[in-house]
C-alpha cells in the first residue's frame, strides 16, 4: 500500500492516499503500539508486591515481550504519556525506557512491510501580494496580517495555475484555501515566515474558518520556504 503521508490521532492512525478522485484517509485502528525498557525493570517488577499481573492491570499493559536485553511493552500511547503514566513510573524508579516518543504512525512505518511512502506528491508554488501603502503614520513597514491581501497566486505548471485578485478579501482567502487543499506541498520564497503566517493572520482577523488548515499538528500538508 502506498501512502502520501499519515499522522497519529491519539492511539489511532490516519493514512492519507490519493486516487483518481483525489485524496482520502484510511483509518487504522487498534494498532499495537509499544516501547522498550531494560529487562532489569521487568525483573524488578516481578519482585514487587503484586508482581507483573498487578503492574499490567494498573497501567493497562496488553502484553510484554522479552527481547533480551530489553522488553517490549505493548500499551496505549495516549495513556503512556499522561502524568502518572507508565513512562514516568519507569523513570521514577531509575530505569530507562526507549522509543516512548515514537508516535503510533511512525512506529507503524518502522515495523510495516506493507506500507510505502509514495513520491507522487502534488506541489504548488505560492505567492501573495499585500497592500504596501503607507499607514496613517506614514510608515510603509510590512507587519504580518496588518493590511489586506491583494492577491494569492499558485503555480503547478504552465497549464495549471491561478491568481485570485478581487476587492472581497474573504473570497480571495476562501478560494485560495480550496485550491491549497488539492496539494500536498506548498512552496514559496520565505513562505513559512511570511505568506503562510500572513494568510493565517487575515483568516483570524475575519474569524474565518481555515486557520486550523495550517495550525493543526495533524496537518497532512508540508510547507517549504
Foldseek 3Di string as FASTA:
>chain_A
DEFQAKDDDFQKIWTWHADPVAIDIDIGPPQFDKWKWFCVVLVVQQPDVPRPVVVCVVQVWPDWADDPRMIITTGGLNQCPDVVHPQVVCVVVPTDIGPSVQHSRNVCVVPDPPYDYDPPFQEKEKDWAWDQAADPVRDRDDDQQPGAIQWMKIDRDPVDIDIDGDPPRVVRLVVVLVVPVRGAEYEYDCCVPHVLSSSLSNCVVVVHPDNCCPVPPRHSHYYYD
